[in-house]
Amino acid sequence: MLDDVRQSGIPTVLLDRVPKGSDFDHVLLDNLAAAREGTRHLISLGHRRILLLASDPNLRNIRERIEGYREALAETDLSGFENVLMAGRNETEHARQVLLPVLTGPGRPSALFAVTQTMTVGALQSVWQAGLELPKDISLLAFDDSEWFTALKPFVSTVRQPTDDFADQAWAMLMARLNNDRSPTLQSEVHGSLVIRESTIPCRGSPVSEAVSQAAS
């Protein structure tokens, strides 16, 4: 499809994902920083058993979110507690199938970080099916934002993508091209923001200081 668009000469801006080696104008989220900030939030609440629920690691944005999570763990000497769970596809049922056994087995995580909206739905279904209660039994942090995040209790904490910034940057690029801007590939990066609501609370288990000493031993 992108080959057809390129041949047509129609000004085009890609958002959020860019194929490797692509020369299209594009606007991307700083996924590394966004995931790092989200993970830092959970760590600041005393969580060490933080499970990252991801979809397809072959996608650039998902890989970067995983890396941001790992960086946040590493900077606090918690890499030994890394727990990345791959659903394989960005589908609710895939998320539920891989997560439910973890939530009903030993060593349950104290916090979940779901890196897409679909993974968040799968995480919620798994938590309820496992007979757990948010956030008393487990904290949940989502990625992206939606009206339904505040349509049920508890309201879901999230790392919000700046939709308006995406639109503004893309529109500016399109206008530049329509005004005969012939410069090389135009690119821009926007930044997410942490929205703390009710689904993330302090860990009721061991404090982070203990986790750091265990990871270092």
Protein backbone atom coordinates (compact mmCIF):
# COMPACT_ATOMS: atom_id res chain seq x y z
CA MET A 1 0.00 0.00 0.00
CA LEU A 2 2.79 2.43 0.87
CA ASP A 3 4.47 1.73 -2.47
CA ASP A 4 1.25 2.74 -4.22
CA VAL A 5 1.03 5.93 -2.14
CA ARG A 6 4.65 6.80 -2.93
CA GLN A 7 4.08 6.36 -6.65
CA SER A 8 0.96 8.54 -6.52
CA GLY A 9 2.93 11.50 -5.20
CA ILE A 10 0.18 12.34 -2.69
CA PRO A 11 1.66 14.06 0.39
CA THR A 12 1.52 11.51 3.20
CA VAL A 13 2.47 11.52 6.88
CA LEU A 14 2.78 8.32 8.90
CA LEU A 15 1.77 8.38 12.56
CA ASP A 16 3.02 6.20 15.42
CA ARG A 17 4.64 3.48 13.28
CA VAL A 18 7.21 3.76 10.50
CA PRO A 19 8.55 0.78 8.54
CA LYS A 20 12.29 0.28 8.75
CA GLY A 21 14.08 2.34 6.12
CA SER A 22 10.96 4.33 5.24
CA ASP A 23 11.42 7.78 3.68
CA PHE A 24 7.88 8.96 4.44
CA ASP A 25 7.34 12.04 6.59
CA HIS A 26 6.33 10.87 10.04
CA VAL A 27 5.34 11.78 13.59
CA LEU A 28 6.29 9.35 16.34
CA LEU A 29 5.72 9.09 20.04
CA ASP A 30 8.80 8.93 22.26
CA ASN A 31 7.81 5.43 23.33
CA LEU A 32 11.02 4.85 25.30
CA ALA A 33 10.46 7.86 27.56
CA ALA A 34 6.73 7.17 27.89
CA ALA A 35 7.18 3.57 29.02
CA ARG A 36 10.08 4.54 31.25
CA GLU A 37 7.95 7.16 33.01
CA GLY A 38 5.09 4.71 33.49
CA THR A 39 7.39 2.09 34.97
CA ARG A 40 9.01 4.67 37.24
CA HIS A 41 5.54 5.51 38.57
CA LEU A 42 4.93 1.90 39.55
CA ILE A 43 8.38 1.62 41.11
CA SER A 44 7.78 4.82 43.10
CA LEU A 45 4.71 3.12 44.60
CA GLY A 46 6.93 0.32 45.92
CA HIS A 47 6.21 -2.26 43.23
CA ARG A 48 9.00 -4.57 42.17
CA ARG A 49 7.04 -7.47 40.64
CA ILE A 50 5.89 -5.42 37.65
CA LEU A 51 4.66 -7.46 34.70
CA LEU A 52 4.72 -5.77 31.29
CA LEU A 53 1.99 -7.13 29.01
CA ALA A 54 2.93 -6.52 25.36
CA SER A 55 1.45 -7.54 22.03
CA ASP A 56 3.79 -7.99 19.04
CA PRO A 57 7.49 -7.20 19.70
CA ASN A 58 8.10 -7.08 15.95
CA LEU A 59 6.41 -3.66 15.93
CA ARG A 60 8.78 -0.76 16.55
CA ASN A 61 6.54 1.07 19.02
CA ILE A 62 6.06 -2.09 21.11
CA ARG A 63 9.80 -2.84 21.11
CA GLU A 64 10.51 0.69 22.32
CA ARG A 65 7.94 0.45 25.10
CA ILE A 66 9.53 -2.80 26.28
CA GLU A 67 12.94 -1.14 26.22
CA GLY A 68 11.67 1.84 28.22
CA TYR A 69 10.33 -0.55 30.86
CA ARG A 70 13.68 -2.30 31.02
CA GLU A 71 15.57 0.98 31.32
CA ALA A 72 13.44 2.05 34.30
CA LEU A 73 14.11 -1.25 36.04
CA ALA A 74 17.84 -1.04 35.31
CA GLU A 75 18.25 2.48 36.70
CA THR A 76 16.88 1.29 40.06
CA ASP A 77 18.78 -2.03 40.06
CA LEU A 78 15.57 -3.98 39.56
CA SER A 79 16.49 -5.75 36.30
CA GLY A 80 16.38 -9.05 38.15
CA PHE A 81 12.62 -8.60 38.47
CA GLU A 82 12.02 -8.05 34.75
CA ASN A 83 8.87 -9.84 33.59
CA VAL A 84 7.76 -9.25 30.00
CA LEU A 85 4.78 -11.28 28.80
CA MET A 86 4.13 -11.40 25.04
CA ALA A 87 0.60 -11.95 23.79
CA GLY A 88 1.88 -12.25 20.21
CA ARG A 89 -1.06 -10.38 18.70
CA ASN A 90 -2.87 -7.24 19.74
CA GLU A 91 -6.07 -9.08 20.56
CA THR A 92 -7.93 -9.25 23.85
CA GLU A 93 -8.25 -13.03 23.82
CA HIS A 94 -4.52 -13.49 23.25
CA ALA A 95 -3.80 -11.22 26.20
CA ARG A 96 -6.22 -13.10 28.42
CA GLN A 97 -4.83 -16.50 27.45
CA VAL A 98 -1.24 -15.64 28.39
CA LEU A 99 -2.01 -13.54 31.47
CA LEU A 100 -4.68 -15.52 33.31
CA PRO A 101 -2.36 -18.44 34.24
CA VAL A 102 0.14 -15.94 35.68
CA LEU A 103 -2.50 -14.26 37.83
CA THR A 104 -3.81 -17.55 39.18
CA GLY A 105 -0.40 -19.12 39.80
CA PRO A 106 2.28 -18.58 42.45
CA GLY A 107 4.36 -15.40 42.53
CA ARG A 108 1.61 -13.17 41.20
CA PRO A 109 2.86 -9.71 40.12
CA SER A 110 1.85 -6.76 42.27
CA ALA A 111 1.43 -4.49 39.23
CA LEU A 112 0.57 -4.82 35.53
CA PHE A 113 1.68 -2.43 32.78
CA ALA A 114 -0.38 -3.09 29.62
CA VAL A 115 1.21 -1.33 26.66
CA THR A 116 -1.82 -1.06 24.34
CA GLN A 117 -5.53 -0.43 24.91
CA THR A 118 -6.34 -3.95 23.76
CA MET A 119 -3.83 -5.40 26.22
CA THR A 120 -5.53 -3.32 28.91
CA VAL A 121 -8.91 -4.88 28.15
CA GLY A 122 -7.33 -8.34 28.27
CA ALA A 123 -5.65 -7.48 31.56
CA LEU A 124 -8.92 -6.33 33.11
CA GLN A 125 -10.73 -9.47 31.98
CA SER A 126 -7.94 -11.63 33.40
CA VAL A 127 -7.91 -9.81 36.74
CA TRP A 128 -11.66 -10.23 37.15
CA GLN A 129 -11.61 -13.85 35.99
CA ALA A 130 -8.84 -14.61 38.47
CA GLY A 131 -11.07 -13.30 41.25
CA LEU A 132 -8.80 -10.35 42.01
CA GLU A 133 -9.78 -6.80 42.86
CA LEU A 134 -8.27 -3.64 41.39
CA PRO A 135 -6.28 -2.00 42.86
CA LYS A 136 -6.36 -3.78 46.23
CA ASP A 137 -4.89 -7.02 44.91
CA ILE A 138 -3.01 -5.71 41.88
CA SER A 139 -2.32 -2.32 40.33
CA LEU A 140 -2.91 -1.68 36.62
CA LEU A 141 -1.28 0.93 34.39
CA ALA A 142 -2.43 1.29 30.79
CA PHE A 143 -0.92 2.87 27.69
CA ASP A 144 -2.90 5.38 25.62
CA ASP A 145 -6.17 6.78 26.89
CA SER A 146 -9.86 6.38 26.23
CA GLU A 147 -13.16 7.68 27.61
CA TRP A 148 -13.96 4.24 28.99
CA PHE A 149 -10.91 4.48 31.28
CA THR A 150 -13.05 6.77 33.45
CA ALA A 151 -16.37 5.02 32.79
CA LEU A 152 -15.82 2.27 35.35
CA LYS A 153 -14.32 1.97 38.80
CA PRO A 154 -11.52 2.17 39.53
CA PHE A 155 -10.54 4.82 36.96
CA VAL A 156 -7.56 3.50 35.01
CA SER A 157 -4.14 5.15 35.32
CA THR A 158 -2.41 5.47 31.98
CA VAL A 159 0.38 6.88 29.85
CA ARG A 160 -1.55 9.15 27.50
CA GLN A 161 -0.53 9.70 23.90
CA PRO A 162 -0.86 13.38 22.83
CA THR A 163 -3.50 13.09 20.09
CA ASP A 164 -3.62 16.83 19.48
CA ASP A 165 0.15 17.02 19.10
CA PHE A 166 0.10 14.17 16.59
CA ALA A 167 -2.55 16.00 14.58
CA ASP A 168 -0.83 19.40 14.76
CA GLN A 169 2.54 18.05 13.67
CA ALA A 170 1.07 15.95 10.85
CA TRP A 171 -0.99 18.88 9.57
CA ALA A 172 2.06 21.17 9.60
CA MET A 173 4.01 18.63 7.54
CA LEU A 174 1.19 18.22 5.04
CA MET A 175 0.89 22.00 4.65
CA ALA A 176 4.63 22.28 4.10
CA ARG A 177 4.51 19.69 1.33
CA LEU A 178 1.46 21.30 -0.27
CA ASN A 179 3.44 24.56 -0.26
CA ASN A 180 6.20 22.86 -2.25
CA ASP A 181 8.61 22.12 0.59
CA ARG A 182 11.14 19.79 -1.06
CA SER A 183 13.38 19.21 1.95
CA PRO A 184 14.37 15.66 2.97
CA THR A 185 12.09 13.53 5.14
CA LEU A 186 10.21 15.61 7.70
CA GLN A 187 10.04 13.99 11.11
CA SER A 188 8.85 14.92 14.56
CA GLU A 189 8.61 13.32 17.98
CA VAL A 190 5.85 13.95 20.51
CA HIS A 191 5.80 13.12 24.20
CA GLY A 192 3.35 11.14 26.31
CA SER A 193 2.12 12.12 29.75
CA LEU A 194 1.42 10.10 32.87
CA VAL A 195 -2.18 10.30 34.06
CA ILE A 196 -2.51 8.94 37.60
CA ARG A 197 -5.98 7.77 38.52
CA GLU A 198 -7.27 5.06 40.86
CA SER A 199 -5.94 1.77 39.46
CA THR A 200 -2.36 2.26 40.73
CA ILE A 201 -1.72 2.37 44.47
CA PRO A 202 1.26 1.67 46.76
CA CYS A 203 2.38 -1.94 46.87
CA ARG A 204 1.25 -3.84 49.94
CA GLY A 205 4.20 -6.22 49.79
CA SER A 206 7.92 -5.69 50.35
CA PRO A 207 9.27 -2.17 49.85
CA VAL A 208 11.51 -1.21 46.93
CA SER A 209 14.54 -0.92 49.19
CA GLU A 210 14.27 -4.63 49.94
CA ALA A 211 13.80 -5.37 46.26
CA VAL A 212 16.97 -3.46 45.41
CA SER A 213 19.01 -5.41 47.94
CA GLN A 214 17.62 -8.71 46.67
CA ALA A 215 18.32 -7.82 43.04
CA ALA A 216 21.87 -6.80 43.86
CA SER A 217 22.64 -9.95 45.86
